[in-house]
PDB file of N, CA and C in Angstrom:
ATOM      1  N   UNK A   1      -9.828   9.416  35.944  1.00  0.00           N
ATOM      2  CA  UNK A   1      -8.893   8.996  34.912  1.00  0.00           C
ATOM      3  C   UNK A   1      -9.597   9.096  33.553  1.00  0.00           C
ATOM      4  N   UNK A   2      -8.891   9.593  32.584  1.00  0.00           N
ATOM      5  CA  UNK A   2      -9.413   9.713  31.233  1.00  0.00           C
ATOM      6  C   UNK A   2      -9.575   8.324  30.634  1.00  0.00           C
ATOM      7  N   UNK A   3     -10.671   8.114  29.871  1.00  0.00           N
ATOM      8  CA  UNK A   3     -10.946   6.777  29.322  1.00  0.00           C
ATOM      9  C   UNK A   3      -9.808   6.235  28.471  1.00  0.00           C
ATOM     10  N   UNK A   4      -9.225   7.092  27.621  1.00  0.00           N
ATOM     11  CA  UNK A   4      -8.131   6.637  26.764  1.00  0.00           C
ATOM     12  C   UNK A   4      -6.945   6.142  27.569  1.00  0.00           C
ATOM     13  N   UNK A   5      -6.635   6.843  28.644  1.00  0.00           N
ATOM     14  CA  UNK A   5      -5.525   6.441  29.501  1.00  0.00           C
ATOM     15  C   UNK A   5      -5.840   5.134  30.215  1.00  0.00           C
ATOM     16  N   UNK A   6      -7.088   4.957  30.629  1.00  0.00           N
ATOM     17  CA  UNK A   6      -7.512   3.719  31.285  1.00  0.00           C
ATOM     18  C   UNK A   6      -7.267   2.516  30.369  1.00  0.00           C
ATOM     19  N   UNK A   7      -7.659   2.623  29.104  1.00  0.00           N
ATOM     20  CA  UNK A   7      -7.496   1.501  28.173  1.00  0.00           C
ATOM     21  C   UNK A   7      -6.042   1.310  27.770  1.00  0.00           C
ATOM     22  N   UNK A   8      -5.260   2.362  27.779  1.00  0.00           N
ATOM     23  CA  UNK A   8      -3.829   2.232  27.506  1.00  0.00           C
ATOM     24  C   UNK A   8      -3.162   1.434  28.633  1.00  0.00           C
ATOM     25  N   UNK A   9      -3.501   1.737  29.874  1.00  0.00           N
ATOM     26  CA  UNK A   9      -2.961   1.011  31.022  1.00  0.00           C
ATOM     27  C   UNK A   9      -3.447  -0.442  31.009  1.00  0.00           C
ATOM     28  N   UNK A  10      -4.731  -0.628  30.682  1.00  0.00           N
ATOM     29  CA  UNK A  10      -5.308  -1.976  30.619  1.00  0.00           C
ATOM     30  C   UNK A  10      -4.602  -2.815  29.555  1.00  0.00           C
ATOM     31  N   UNK A  11      -4.279  -2.200  28.425  1.00  0.00           N
ATOM     32  CA  UNK A  11      -3.590  -2.911  27.342  1.00  0.00           C
ATOM     33  C   UNK A  11      -2.181  -3.301  27.762  1.00  0.00           C
ATOM     34  N   UNK A  12      -1.481  -2.394  28.419  1.00  0.00           N
ATOM     35  CA  UNK A  12      -0.119  -2.714  28.879  1.00  0.00           C
ATOM     36  C   UNK A  12      -0.157  -3.885  29.856  1.00  0.00           C
ATOM     37  N   UNK A  13      -1.092  -3.876  30.790  1.00  0.00           N
ATOM     38  CA  UNK A  13      -1.211  -4.985  31.749  1.00  0.00           C
ATOM     39  C   UNK A  13      -1.559  -6.286  31.033  1.00  0.00           C
ATOM     40  N   UNK A  14      -2.413  -6.207  30.016  1.00  0.00           N
ATOM     41  CA  UNK A  14      -2.816  -7.385  29.246  1.00  0.00           C
ATOM     42  C   UNK A  14      -1.598  -8.018  28.571  1.00  0.00           C
ATOM     43  N   UNK A  15      -0.748  -7.173  27.960  1.00  0.00           N
ATOM     44  CA  UNK A  15       0.473  -7.685  27.325  1.00  0.00           C
ATOM     45  C   UNK A  15       1.416  -8.302  28.358  1.00  0.00           C
ATOM     46  N   UNK A  16       1.582  -7.646  29.490  1.00  0.00           N
ATOM     47  CA  UNK A  16       2.494  -8.154  30.519  1.00  0.00           C
ATOM     48  C   UNK A  16       2.017  -9.496  31.073  1.00  0.00           C
ATOM     49  N   UNK A  17       0.706  -9.679  31.195  1.00  0.00           N
ATOM     50  CA  UNK A  17       0.165 -10.970  31.634  1.00  0.00           C
ATOM     51  C   UNK A  17       0.466 -12.075  30.627  1.00  0.00           C
ATOM     52  N   UNK A  18       0.617 -11.703  29.363  1.00  0.00           N
ATOM     53  CA  UNK A  18       0.917 -12.673  28.313  1.00  0.00           C
ATOM     54  C   UNK A  18       2.423 -12.899  28.157  1.00  0.00           C
ATOM     55  N   UNK A  19       3.249 -12.283  29.002  1.00  0.00           N
ATOM     56  CA  UNK A  19       4.687 -12.512  28.992  1.00  0.00           C
ATOM     57  C   UNK A  19       5.506 -11.531  28.175  1.00  0.00           C
ATOM     58  N   UNK A  20       4.907 -10.458  27.707  1.00  0.00           N
ATOM     59  CA  UNK A  20       5.624  -9.445  26.935  1.00  0.00           C
ATOM     60  C   UNK A  20       6.260  -8.417  27.860  1.00  0.00           C
ATOM     61  N   UNK A  21       7.355  -7.827  27.395  1.00  0.00           N
ATOM     62  CA  UNK A  21       7.858  -6.610  28.006  1.00  0.00           C
ATOM     63  C   UNK A  21       7.189  -5.474  27.270  1.00  0.00           C
ATOM     64  N   UNK A  22       6.721  -4.494  27.999  1.00  0.00           N
ATOM     65  CA  UNK A  22       5.879  -3.484  27.373  1.00  0.00           C
ATOM     66  C   UNK A  22       6.228  -2.094  27.901  1.00  0.00           C
ATOM     67  N   UNK A  23       6.269  -1.117  27.008  1.00  0.00           N
ATOM     68  CA  UNK A  23       6.507   0.277  27.387  1.00  0.00           C
ATOM     69  C   UNK A  23       5.639   1.195  26.538  1.00  0.00           C
ATOM     70  N   UNK A  24       5.344   2.356  27.105  1.00  0.00           N
ATOM     71  CA  UNK A  24       4.583   3.370  26.382  1.00  0.00           C
ATOM     72  C   UNK A  24       5.499   4.110  25.413  1.00  0.00           C
ATOM     73  N   UNK A  25       4.936   4.563  24.306  1.00  0.00           N
ATOM     74  CA  UNK A  25       5.689   5.338  23.319  1.00  0.00           C
ATOM     75  C   UNK A  25       5.073   6.733  23.221  1.00  0.00           C
ATOM     76  N   UNK A  26       5.398   7.557  24.195  1.00  0.00           N
ATOM     77  CA  UNK A  26       4.891   8.919  24.198  1.00  0.00           C
ATOM     78  C   UNK A  26       6.027   9.902  24.442  1.00  0.00           C
ATOM     79  N   UNK A  27       5.866  11.055  23.862  1.00  0.00           N
ATOM     80  CA  UNK A  27       6.810  12.135  24.087  1.00  0.00           C
ATOM     81  C   UNK A  27       6.019  13.303  24.649  1.00  0.00           C
ATOM     82  N   UNK A  28       6.493  13.872  25.723  1.00  0.00           N
ATOM     83  CA  UNK A  28       5.844  15.025  26.332  1.00  0.00           C
ATOM     84  C   UNK A  28       6.619  16.271  25.922  1.00  0.00           C
ATOM     85  N   UNK A  29       5.927  17.190  25.267  1.00  0.00           N
ATOM     86  CA  UNK A  29       6.569  18.416  24.805  1.00  0.00           C
ATOM     87  C   UNK A  29       6.045  19.601  25.604  1.00  0.00           C
ATOM     88  N   UNK A  30       6.940  20.540  25.869  1.00  0.00           N
ATOM     89  CA  UNK A  30       6.542  21.788  26.502  1.00  0.00           C
ATOM     90  C   UNK A  30       6.602  22.881  25.458  1.00  0.00           C
ATOM     91  N   UNK A  31       5.536  23.632  25.368  1.00  0.00           N
ATOM     92  CA  UNK A  31       5.495  24.758  24.443  1.00  0.00           C
ATOM     93  C   UNK A  31       5.275  26.016  25.271  1.00  0.00           C
ATOM     94  N   UNK A  32       6.134  27.008  25.053  1.00  0.00           N
ATOM     95  CA  UNK A  32       6.015  28.271  25.763  1.00  0.00           C
ATOM     96  C   UNK A  32       5.289  29.268  24.873  1.00  0.00           C
ATOM     97  N   UNK A  33       4.255  29.893  25.418  1.00  0.00           N
ATOM     98  CA  UNK A  33       3.489  30.877  24.662  1.00  0.00           C
ATOM     99  C   UNK A  33       4.144  32.251  24.820  1.00  0.00           C
ATOM    100  N   UNK A  34       3.651  33.218  24.072  1.00  0.00           N
ATOM    101  CA  UNK A  34       4.209  34.572  24.130  1.00  0.00           C
ATOM    102  C   UNK A  34       4.025  35.201  25.506  1.00  0.00           C
ATOM    103  N   UNK A  35       2.936  34.853  26.174  1.00  0.00           N
ATOM    104  CA  UNK A  35       2.697  35.413  27.506  1.00  0.00           C
ATOM    105  C   UNK A  35       3.307  34.536  28.612  1.00  0.00           C
ATOM    106  N   UNK A  36       4.293  33.739  28.243  1.00  0.00           N
ATOM    107  CA  UNK A  36       5.112  32.931  29.151  1.00  0.00           C
ATOM    108  C   UNK A  36       4.339  31.862  29.906  1.00  0.00           C
ATOM    109  N   UNK A  37       3.293  31.350  29.305  1.00  0.00           N
ATOM    110  CA  UNK A  37       2.597  30.196  29.854  1.00  0.00           C
ATOM    111  C   UNK A  37       3.191  28.940  29.221  1.00  0.00           C
ATOM    112  N   UNK A  38       3.093  27.842  29.934  1.00  0.00           N
ATOM    113  CA  UNK A  38       3.618  26.574  29.431  1.00  0.00           C
ATOM    114  C   UNK A  38       2.442  25.663  29.109  1.00  0.00           C
ATOM    115  N   UNK A  39       2.454  25.111  27.899  1.00  0.00           N
ATOM    116  CA  UNK A  39       1.438  24.159  27.469  1.00  0.00           C
ATOM    117  C   UNK A  39       2.144  22.827  27.257  1.00  0.00           C
ATOM    118  N   UNK A  40       1.588  21.771  27.841  1.00  0.00           N
ATOM    119  CA  UNK A  40       2.157  20.436  27.683  1.00  0.00           C
ATOM    120  C   UNK A  40       1.350  19.668  26.643  1.00  0.00           C
ATOM    121  N   UNK A  41       2.056  19.035  25.724  1.00  0.00           N
ATOM    122  CA  UNK A  41       1.415  18.260  24.664  1.00  0.00           C
ATOM    123  C   UNK A  41       2.039  16.869  24.646  1.00  0.00           C
ATOM    124  N   UNK A  42       1.183  15.845  24.641  1.00  0.00           N
ATOM    125  CA  UNK A  42       1.670  14.468  24.509  1.00  0.00           C
ATOM    126  C   UNK A  42       1.559  14.064  23.051  1.00  0.00           C
ATOM    127  N   UNK A  43       2.614  13.438  22.550  1.00  0.00           N
ATOM    128  CA  UNK A  43       2.611  12.972  21.169  1.00  0.00           C
ATOM    129  C   UNK A  43       3.013  11.510  21.158  1.00  0.00           C
ATOM    130  N   UNK A  44       2.256  10.687  20.426  1.00  0.00           N
ATOM    131  CA  UNK A  44       2.581   9.271  20.288  1.00  0.00           C
ATOM    132  C   UNK A  44       3.741   9.102  19.307  1.00  0.00           C
ATOM    133  N   UNK A  45       4.737   8.350  19.713  1.00  0.00           N
ATOM    134  CA  UNK A  45       5.849   8.038  18.818  1.00  0.00           C
ATOM    135  C   UNK A  45       5.457   6.847  17.956  1.00  0.00           C
ATOM    136  N   UNK A  46       5.816   6.871  16.707  1.00  0.00           N
ATOM    137  CA  UNK A  46       5.493   5.812  15.750  1.00  0.00           C
ATOM    138  C   UNK A  46       3.987   5.551  15.693  1.00  0.00           C
ATOM    139  N   UNK A  47       3.172   6.571  15.919  1.00  0.00           N
ATOM    140  CA  UNK A  47       1.697   6.472  15.884  1.00  0.00           C
ATOM    141  C   UNK A  47       1.175   5.416  16.847  1.00  0.00           C
ATOM    142  N   UNK A  48       1.904   5.145  17.921  1.00  0.00           N
ATOM    143  CA  UNK A  48       1.564   4.047  18.817  1.00  0.00           C
ATOM    144  C   UNK A  48       1.442   4.522  20.260  1.00  0.00           C
ATOM    145  N   UNK A  49       0.578   3.833  20.998  1.00  0.00           N
ATOM    146  CA  UNK A  49       0.518   4.062  22.435  1.00  0.00           C
ATOM    147  C   UNK A  49       1.648   3.322  23.135  1.00  0.00           C
ATOM    148  N   UNK A  50       2.058   2.187  22.566  1.00  0.00           N
ATOM    149  CA  UNK A  50       3.086   1.405  23.227  1.00  0.00           C
ATOM    150  C   UNK A  50       3.763   0.409  22.310  1.00  0.00           C
ATOM    151  N   UNK A  51       4.757  -0.259  22.896  1.00  0.00           N
ATOM    152  CA  UNK A  51       5.527  -1.276  22.199  1.00  0.00           C
ATOM    153  C   UNK A  51       5.610  -2.493  23.115  1.00  0.00           C
ATOM    154  N   UNK A  52       5.295  -3.645  22.578  1.00  0.00           N
ATOM    155  CA  UNK A  52       5.376  -4.902  23.334  1.00  0.00           C
ATOM    156  C   UNK A  52       6.333  -5.829  22.599  1.00  0.00           C
ATOM    157  N   UNK A  53       7.229  -6.448  23.371  1.00  0.00           N
ATOM    158  CA  UNK A  53       8.191  -7.360  22.752  1.00  0.00           C
ATOM    159  C   UNK A  53       8.312  -8.632  23.583  1.00  0.00           C
ATOM    160  N   UNK A  54       8.594  -9.714  22.896  1.00  0.00           N
ATOM    161  CA  UNK A  54       9.015 -10.959  23.540  1.00  0.00           C
ATOM    162  C   UNK A  54      10.087 -11.570  22.651  1.00  0.00           C
ATOM    163  N   UNK A  55      10.461 -12.805  22.902  1.00  0.00           N
ATOM    164  CA  UNK A  55      11.546 -13.390  22.120  1.00  0.00           C
ATOM    165  C   UNK A  55      11.153 -13.703  20.675  1.00  0.00           C
ATOM    166  N   UNK A  56       9.859 -13.631  20.342  1.00  0.00           N
ATOM    167  CA  UNK A  56       9.404 -13.991  18.994  1.00  0.00           C
ATOM    168  C   UNK A  56       8.912 -12.840  18.137  1.00  0.00           C
ATOM    169  N   UNK A  57       8.471 -11.744  18.754  1.00  0.00           N
ATOM    170  CA  UNK A  57       7.865 -10.679  17.959  1.00  0.00           C
ATOM    171  C   UNK A  57       7.964  -9.321  18.646  1.00  0.00           C
ATOM    172  N   UNK A  58       7.775  -8.309  17.824  1.00  0.00           N
ATOM    173  CA  UNK A  58       7.706  -6.922  18.270  1.00  0.00           C
ATOM    174  C   UNK A  58       6.365  -6.389  17.799  1.00  0.00           C
ATOM    175  N   UNK A  59       5.607  -5.797  18.712  1.00  0.00           N
ATOM    176  CA  UNK A  59       4.269  -5.304  18.368  1.00  0.00           C
ATOM    177  C   UNK A  59       4.164  -3.829  18.732  1.00  0.00           C
ATOM    178  N   UNK A  60       3.912  -2.995  17.715  1.00  0.00           N
ATOM    179  CA  UNK A  60       3.518  -1.616  17.955  1.00  0.00           C
ATOM    180  C   UNK A  60       2.008  -1.644  18.159  1.00  0.00           C
ATOM    181  N   UNK A  61       1.505  -1.046  19.244  1.00  0.00           N
ATOM    182  CA  UNK A  61       0.076  -1.137  19.507  1.00  0.00           C
ATOM    183  C   UNK A  61      -0.528   0.218  19.850  1.00  0.00           C
ATOM    184  N   UNK A  62      -1.789   0.317  19.491  1.00  0.00           N
ATOM    185  CA  UNK A  62      -2.569   1.507  19.802  1.00  0.00           C
ATOM    186  C   UNK A  62      -3.909   1.028  20.331  1.00  0.00           C
ATOM    187  N   UNK A  63      -4.254   1.415  21.547  1.00  0.00           N
ATOM    188  CA  UNK A  63      -5.500   0.942  22.143  1.00  0.00           C
ATOM    189  C   UNK A  63      -6.637   1.915  21.828  1.00  0.00           C
ATOM    190  N   UNK A  64      -7.806   1.359  21.608  1.00  0.00           N
ATOM    191  CA  UNK A  64      -9.000   2.137  21.275  1.00  0.00           C
ATOM    192  C   UNK A  64     -10.152   1.686  22.157  1.00  0.00           C
ATOM    193  N   UNK A  65     -11.038   2.626  22.469  1.00  0.00           N
ATOM    194  CA  UNK A  65     -12.186   2.337  23.319  1.00  0.00           C
ATOM    195  C   UNK A  65     -13.219   1.480  22.593  1.00  0.00           C
ATOM    196  N   UNK A  66     -13.461   1.764  21.332  1.00  0.00           N
ATOM    197  CA  UNK A  66     -14.412   0.966  20.557  1.00  0.00           C
ATOM    198  C   UNK A  66     -14.098   1.131  19.072  1.00  0.00           C
ATOM    199  N   UNK A  67     -14.866   0.465  18.235  1.00  0.00           N
ATOM    200  CA  UNK A  67     -14.585   0.475  16.799  1.00  0.00           C
ATOM    201  C   UNK A  67     -14.962   1.787  16.116  1.00  0.00           C
ATOM    202  N   UNK A  68     -15.673   2.656  16.808  1.00  0.00           N
ATOM    203  CA  UNK A  68     -16.106   3.910  16.185  1.00  0.00           C
ATOM    204  C   UNK A  68     -14.932   4.790  15.778  1.00  0.00           C
ATOM    205  N   UNK A  69     -13.857   4.737  16.538  1.00  0.00           N
ATOM    206  CA  UNK A  69     -12.755   5.674  16.296  1.00  0.00           C
ATOM    207  C   UNK A  69     -11.463   4.986  15.856  1.00  0.00           C
ATOM    208  N   UNK A  70     -11.570   3.908  15.102  1.00  0.00           N
ATOM    209  CA  UNK A  70     -10.348   3.217  14.674  1.00  0.00           C
ATOM    210  C   UNK A  70      -9.845   3.675  13.304  1.00  0.00           C
ATOM    211  N   UNK A  71     -10.654   4.416  12.560  1.00  0.00           N
ATOM    212  CA  UNK A  71     -10.243   4.772  11.202  1.00  0.00           C
ATOM    213  C   UNK A  71      -8.979   5.624  11.186  1.00  0.00           C
ATOM    214  N   UNK A  72      -8.842   6.578  12.103  1.00  0.00           N
ATOM    215  CA  UNK A  72      -7.642   7.410  12.136  1.00  0.00           C
ATOM    216  C   UNK A  72      -6.424   6.578  12.537  1.00  0.00           C
ATOM    217  N   UNK A  73      -6.590   5.695  13.508  1.00  0.00           N
ATOM    218  CA  UNK A  73      -5.492   4.815  13.909  1.00  0.00           C
ATOM    219  C   UNK A  73      -5.061   3.909  12.771  1.00  0.00           C
ATOM    220  N   UNK A  74      -6.042   3.384  12.027  1.00  0.00           N
ATOM    221  CA  UNK A  74      -5.742   2.522  10.887  1.00  0.00           C
ATOM    222  C   UNK A  74      -4.968   3.301   9.820  1.00  0.00           C
ATOM    223  N   UNK A  75      -5.389   4.529   9.567  1.00  0.00           N
ATOM    224  CA  UNK A  75      -4.718   5.369   8.571  1.00  0.00           C
ATOM    225  C   UNK A  75      -3.278   5.663   9.001  1.00  0.00           C
ATOM    226  N   UNK A  76      -3.093   6.031  10.270  1.00  0.00           N
ATOM    227  CA  UNK A  76      -1.746   6.327  10.768  1.00  0.00           C
ATOM    228  C   UNK A  76      -0.837   5.110  10.661  1.00  0.00           C
ATOM    229  N   UNK A  77      -1.349   3.934  11.008  1.00  0.00           N
ATOM    230  CA  UNK A  77      -0.543   2.716  10.923  1.00  0.00           C
ATOM    231  C   UNK A  77      -0.257   2.319   9.481  1.00  0.00           C
ATOM    232  N   UNK A  78      -1.170   2.586   8.581  1.00  0.00           N
ATOM    233  CA  UNK A  78      -0.934   2.277   7.169  1.00  0.00           C
ATOM    234  C   UNK A  78       0.222   3.110   6.620  1.00  0.00           C
ATOM    235  N   UNK A  79       0.365   4.338   7.142  1.00  0.00           N
ATOM    236  CA  UNK A  79       1.425   5.233   6.672  1.00  0.00           C
ATOM    237  C   UNK A  79       2.755   5.004   7.392  1.00  0.00           C
ATOM    238  N   UNK A  80       2.736   4.296   8.505  1.00  0.00           N
ATOM    239  CA  UNK A  80       3.948   4.037   9.281  1.00  0.00           C
ATOM    240  C   UNK A  80       4.847   3.058   8.543  1.00  0.00           C
ATOM    241  N   UNK A  81       6.072   3.470   8.279  1.00  0.00           N
ATOM    242  CA  UNK A  81       6.999   2.644   7.519  1.00  0.00           C
ATOM    243  C   UNK A  81       7.916   1.898   8.480  1.00  0.00           C
ATOM    244  N   UNK A  82       7.711   0.601   8.560  1.00  0.00           N
ATOM    245  CA  UNK A  82       8.582  -0.271   9.344  1.00  0.00           C
ATOM    246  C   UNK A  82       9.003  -1.426   8.439  1.00  0.00           C
ATOM    247  N   UNK A  83      10.072  -2.138   8.782  1.00  0.00           N
ATOM    248  CA  UNK A  83      10.500  -3.260   7.944  1.00  0.00           C
ATOM    249  C   UNK A  83       9.390  -4.300   7.793  1.00  0.00           C
ATOM    250  N   UNK A  84       9.256  -4.842   6.611  1.00  0.00           N
ATOM    251  CA  UNK A  84       8.235  -5.859   6.338  1.00  0.00           C
ATOM    252  C   UNK A  84       8.772  -7.228   6.739  1.00  0.00           C
ATOM    253  N   UNK A  85       8.814  -7.436   8.024  1.00  0.00           N
ATOM    254  CA  UNK A  85       9.282  -8.685   8.613  1.00  0.00           C
ATOM    255  C   UNK A  85       8.101  -9.258   9.394  1.00  0.00           C
ATOM    256  N   UNK A  86       7.799 -10.545   9.236  1.00  0.00           N
ATOM    257  CA  UNK A  86       6.614 -11.103   9.907  1.00  0.00           C
ATOM    258  C   UNK A  86       6.627 -10.962  11.432  1.00  0.00           C
ATOM    259  N   UNK A  87       7.811 -10.800  12.016  1.00  0.00           N
ATOM    260  CA  UNK A  87       7.887 -10.699  13.474  1.00  0.00           C
ATOM    261  C   UNK A  87       7.590  -9.292  13.992  1.00  0.00           C
ATOM    262  N   UNK A  88       7.489  -8.303  13.104  1.00  0.00           N
ATOM    263  CA  UNK A  88       7.153  -6.936  13.514  1.00  0.00           C
ATOM    264  C   UNK A  88       5.717  -6.669  13.082  1.00  0.00           C
ATOM    265  N   UNK A  89       4.865  -6.310  14.051  1.00  0.00           N
ATOM    266  CA  UNK A  89       3.438  -6.162  13.773  1.00  0.00           C
ATOM    267  C   UNK A  89       2.925  -4.822  14.256  1.00  0.00           C
ATOM    268  N   UNK A  90       1.824  -4.386  13.632  1.00  0.00           N
ATOM    269  CA  UNK A  90       1.115  -3.177  14.048  1.00  0.00           C
ATOM    270  C   UNK A  90      -0.312  -3.587  14.403  1.00  0.00           C
ATOM    271  N   UNK A  91      -0.700  -3.369  15.651  1.00  0.00           N
ATOM    272  CA  UNK A  91      -2.015  -3.792  16.109  1.00  0.00           C
ATOM    273  C   UNK A  91      -2.826  -2.612  16.618  1.00  0.00           C
ATOM    274  N   UNK A  92      -4.084  -2.587  16.227  1.00  0.00           N
ATOM    275  CA  UNK A  92      -5.076  -1.745  16.886  1.00  0.00           C
ATOM    276  C   UNK A  92      -5.794  -2.658  17.867  1.00  0.00           C
ATOM    277  N   UNK A  93      -5.805  -2.281  19.121  1.00  0.00           N
ATOM    278  CA  UNK A  93      -6.412  -3.111  20.155  1.00  0.00           C
ATOM    279  C   UNK A  93      -7.681  -2.420  20.618  1.00  0.00           C
ATOM    280  N   UNK A  94      -8.811  -3.052  20.344  1.00  0.00           N
ATOM    281  CA  UNK A  94     -10.121  -2.458  20.611  1.00  0.00           C
ATOM    282  C   UNK A  94     -10.732  -3.103  21.850  1.00  0.00           C
ATOM    283  N   UNK A  95     -11.055  -2.277  22.819  1.00  0.00           N
ATOM    284  CA  UNK A  95     -11.710  -2.728  24.043  1.00  0.00           C
ATOM    285  C   UNK A  95     -13.163  -2.274  24.000  1.00  0.00           C
ATOM    286  N   UNK A  96     -14.068  -3.195  23.834  1.00  0.00           N
ATOM    287  CA  UNK A  96     -15.484  -2.855  23.956  1.00  0.00           C
ATOM    288  C   UNK A  96     -15.808  -2.736  25.436  1.00  0.00           C
ATOM    289  N   UNK A  97     -16.786  -1.957  25.757  1.00  0.00           N
ATOM    290  CA  UNK A  97     -17.150  -1.715  27.153  1.00  0.00           C
ATOM    291  C   UNK A  97     -17.432  -3.023  27.876  1.00  0.00           C
ATOM    292  N   UNK A  98     -16.860  -3.175  29.061  1.00  0.00           N
ATOM    293  CA  UNK A  98     -17.021  -4.335  29.955  1.00  0.00           C
ATOM    294  C   UNK A  98     -16.374  -5.617  29.430  1.00  0.00           C
ATOM    295  N   UNK A  99     -15.562  -5.547  28.395  1.00  0.00           N
ATOM    296  CA  UNK A  99     -14.932  -6.764  27.876  1.00  0.00           C
ATOM    297  C   UNK A  99     -13.668  -7.083  28.675  1.00  0.00           C
ATOM    298  N   UNK A 100     -13.368  -8.369  28.802  1.00  0.00           N
ATOM    299  CA  UNK A 100     -12.165  -8.801  29.511  1.00  0.00           C
ATOM    300  C   UNK A 100     -11.015  -9.066  28.553  1.00  0.00           C
ATOM    301  N   UNK A 101     -11.340  -9.331  27.304  1.00  0.00           N
ATOM    302  CA  UNK A 101     -10.327  -9.557  26.273  1.00  0.00           C
ATOM    303  C   UNK A 101     -10.578  -8.580  25.118  1.00  0.00           C
ATOM    304  N   UNK A 102      -9.503  -8.032  24.539  1.00  0.00           N
ATOM    305  CA  UNK A 102      -9.677  -7.086  23.444  1.00  0.00           C
ATOM    306  C   UNK A 102      -9.839  -7.795  22.104  1.00  0.00           C
ATOM    307  N   UNK A 103     -10.320  -7.033  21.153  1.00  0.00           N
ATOM    308  CA  UNK A 103     -10.306  -7.479  19.756  1.00  0.00           C
ATOM    309  C   UNK A 103      -9.059  -6.887  19.120  1.00  0.00           C
ATOM    310  N   UNK A 104      -8.319  -7.707  18.413  1.00  0.00           N
ATOM    311  CA  UNK A 104      -7.070  -7.255  17.806  1.00  0.00           C
ATOM    312  C   UNK A 104      -7.258  -7.116  16.304  1.00  0.00           C
ATOM    313  N   UNK A 105      -6.926  -5.938  15.792  1.00  0.00           N
ATOM    314  CA  UNK A 105      -6.978  -5.687  14.353  1.00  0.00           C
ATOM    315  C   UNK A 105      -5.549  -5.462  13.902  1.00  0.00           C
ATOM    316  N   UNK A 106      -5.049  -6.370  13.088  1.00  0.00           N
ATOM    317  CA  UNK A 106      -3.681  -6.248  12.601  1.00  0.00           C
ATOM    318  C   UNK A 106      -3.672  -5.405  11.327  1.00  0.00           C
ATOM    319  N   UNK A 107      -2.795  -4.415  11.288  1.00  0.00           N
ATOM    320  CA  UNK A 107      -2.694  -3.518  10.135  1.00  0.00           C
ATOM    321  C   UNK A 107      -1.482  -3.923   9.319  1.00  0.00           C
ATOM    322  N   UNK A 108      -1.677  -4.137   8.022  1.00  0.00           N
ATOM    323  CA  UNK A 108      -0.566  -4.523   7.133  1.00  0.00           C
ATOM    324  C   UNK A 108       0.211  -3.294   6.693  1.00  0.00           C
TER     325      UNK A 108
END
């Protein structure tokens, strides 16, 4: 299993344990080349790996393996235009190796 996918699954389970309903936000595209080969590309919708909701809040989230690669995620979330309502949040969820709980970085 690819590390990024492992942490995406771990994040979804973490949210579900906390009582959230959670789904992935990915689109799978097929691109046909000139020589009739098919290339599959995954694209994150709303710059997010997933969406978690409960009765109080909506969280767009993107999971990261460590803090080394959060700058691009932070930039993408800064550019994401969503309503400025306190109940809608954008989180970068950082899993350090062997950690049981993630570090949450909220992007304004």
